[in-house]
C-alpha atoms as a PDB file:
ATOM      1  CA  UNK A   1     -10.182   5.396   2.878  1.00  0.00           C
ATOM      2  CA  UNK A   2      -8.399   3.764  -0.016  1.00  0.00           C
ATOM      3  CA  UNK A   3      -5.095   5.419   0.937  1.00  0.00           C
ATOM      4  CA  UNK A   4      -5.352   4.185   4.522  1.00  0.00           C
ATOM      5  CA  UNK A   5      -6.059   0.614   3.458  1.00  0.00           C
ATOM      6  CA  UNK A   6      -3.168   0.687   0.990  1.00  0.00           C
ATOM      7  CA  UNK A   7      -0.791   1.948   3.685  1.00  0.00           C
ATOM      8  CA  UNK A   8      -1.931  -0.722   6.138  1.00  0.00           C
ATOM      9  CA  UNK A   9      -1.419  -3.374   3.471  1.00  0.00           C
ATOM     10  CA  UNK A  10       2.078  -2.113   2.730  1.00  0.00           C
ATOM     11  CA  UNK A  11       2.968  -2.049   6.428  1.00  0.00           C
ATOM     12  CA  UNK A  12       1.784  -5.633   6.838  1.00  0.00           C
ATOM     13  CA  UNK A  13       3.834  -6.709   3.818  1.00  0.00           C
ATOM     14  CA  UNK A  14       6.929  -5.058   5.267  1.00  0.00           C
ATOM     15  CA  UNK A  15       6.414  -6.858   8.575  1.00  0.00           C
ATOM     16  CA  UNK A  16       5.948 -10.204   6.836  1.00  0.00           C
ATOM     17  CA  UNK A  17       9.016  -9.747   4.630  1.00  0.00           C
ATOM     18  CA  UNK A  18      11.285  -8.376   7.362  1.00  0.00           C
ATOM     19  CA  UNK A  19      13.906 -10.790   8.703  1.00  0.00           C
ATOM     20  CA  UNK A  20      12.485 -10.485  12.220  1.00  0.00           C
ATOM     21  CA  UNK A  21      11.548 -13.534  14.215  1.00  0.00           C
ATOM     22  CA  UNK A  22       8.031 -13.168  15.588  1.00  0.00           C
ATOM     23  CA  UNK A  23       6.098 -15.529  17.848  1.00  0.00           C
ATOM     24  CA  UNK A  24       3.941 -18.028  15.966  1.00  0.00           C
ATOM     25  CA  UNK A  25       0.596 -16.599  17.028  1.00  0.00           C
ATOM     26  CA  UNK A  26       1.593 -13.039  16.152  1.00  0.00           C
ATOM     27  CA  UNK A  27       2.797 -14.170  12.734  1.00  0.00           C
ATOM     28  CA  UNK A  28      -0.469 -15.991  12.068  1.00  0.00           C
ATOM     29  CA  UNK A  29      -2.501 -12.938  13.095  1.00  0.00           C
ATOM     30  CA  UNK A  30      -0.472 -10.711  10.789  1.00  0.00           C
ATOM     31  CA  UNK A  31      -0.943 -13.167   7.919  1.00  0.00           C
ATOM     32  CA  UNK A  32      -4.713 -13.182   8.398  1.00  0.00           C
ATOM     33  CA  UNK A  33      -4.791  -9.389   8.584  1.00  0.00           C
ATOM     34  CA  UNK A  34      -2.772  -9.174   5.364  1.00  0.00           C
ATOM     35  CA  UNK A  35      -5.189 -11.543   3.627  1.00  0.00           C
ATOM     36  CA  UNK A  36      -8.167  -9.501   4.829  1.00  0.00           C
ATOM     37  CA  UNK A  37      -6.661  -6.231   3.687  1.00  0.00           C
ATOM     38  CA  UNK A  38      -5.858  -7.790   0.315  1.00  0.00           C
ATOM     39  CA  UNK A  39      -9.469  -8.883  -0.098  1.00  0.00           C
ATOM     40  CA  UNK A  40     -10.730  -5.415   0.833  1.00  0.00           C
ATOM     41  CA  UNK A  41      -8.332  -3.817  -1.661  1.00  0.00           C
ATOM     42  CA  UNK A  42      -9.471  -6.102  -4.470  1.00  0.00           C
ATOM     43  CA  UNK A  43     -13.156  -5.429  -3.730  1.00  0.00           C
ATOM     44  CA  UNK A  44     -12.530  -1.687  -3.711  1.00  0.00           C
ATOM     45  CA  UNK A  45     -10.629  -1.926  -7.007  1.00  0.00           C
ATOM     46  CA  UNK A  46     -13.439  -3.910  -8.630  1.00  0.00           C
ATOM     47  CA  UNK A  47     -16.016  -1.424  -7.375  1.00  0.00           C
ATOM     48  CA  UNK A  48     -13.991   1.439  -8.831  1.00  0.00           C
ATOM     49  CA  UNK A  49     -13.705  -0.305 -12.199  1.00  0.00           C
ATOM     50  CA  UNK A  50     -17.456  -0.975 -12.317  1.00  0.00           C
ATOM     51  CA  UNK A  51     -18.247   2.658 -11.511  1.00  0.00           C
ATOM     52  CA  UNK A  52     -15.763   3.791 -14.156  1.00  0.00           C
ATOM     53  CA  UNK A  53     -17.368   1.542 -16.780  1.00  0.00           C
ATOM     54  CA  UNK A  54     -20.834   2.835 -15.884  1.00  0.00           C
ATOM     55  CA  UNK A  55     -19.737   6.446 -16.236  1.00  0.00           C
ATOM     56  CA  UNK A  56     -18.061   5.667 -19.565  1.00  0.00           C
ATOM     57  CA  UNK A  57     -21.238   4.022 -20.861  1.00  0.00           C
ATOM     58  CA  UNK A  58     -23.422   6.888 -19.702  1.00  0.00           C
ATOM     59  CA  UNK A  59     -21.030   9.382 -21.237  1.00  0.00           C
ATOM     60  CA  UNK A  60     -20.993   7.451 -24.497  1.00  0.00           C
ATOM     61  CA  UNK A  61     -24.790   7.425 -24.695  1.00  0.00           C
ATOM     62  CA  UNK A  62     -24.989  11.151 -24.073  1.00  0.00           C
ATOM     63  CA  UNK A  63     -22.439  11.829 -26.801  1.00  0.00           C
ATOM     64  CA  UNK A  64     -24.395   9.746 -29.326  1.00  0.00           C
ATOM     65  CA  UNK A  65     -27.631  11.620 -28.586  1.00  0.00           C
ATOM     66  CA  UNK A  66     -26.076  14.985 -29.332  1.00  0.00           C
END
């Protein structure tokens, strides 16, 4: 899932940065999609960091008990 979202985000960035003239409505739609994908990516990254911290804490507690 994460790979697909990253690829979609990259494709949208390429479209936005390309020197191609798009109609105004299409450009606005692509901008909103890029913003949405960026938000989803950041939420997924935060979730991954939180899970990583939890596993580190649990691992640290287990090591101290032994």
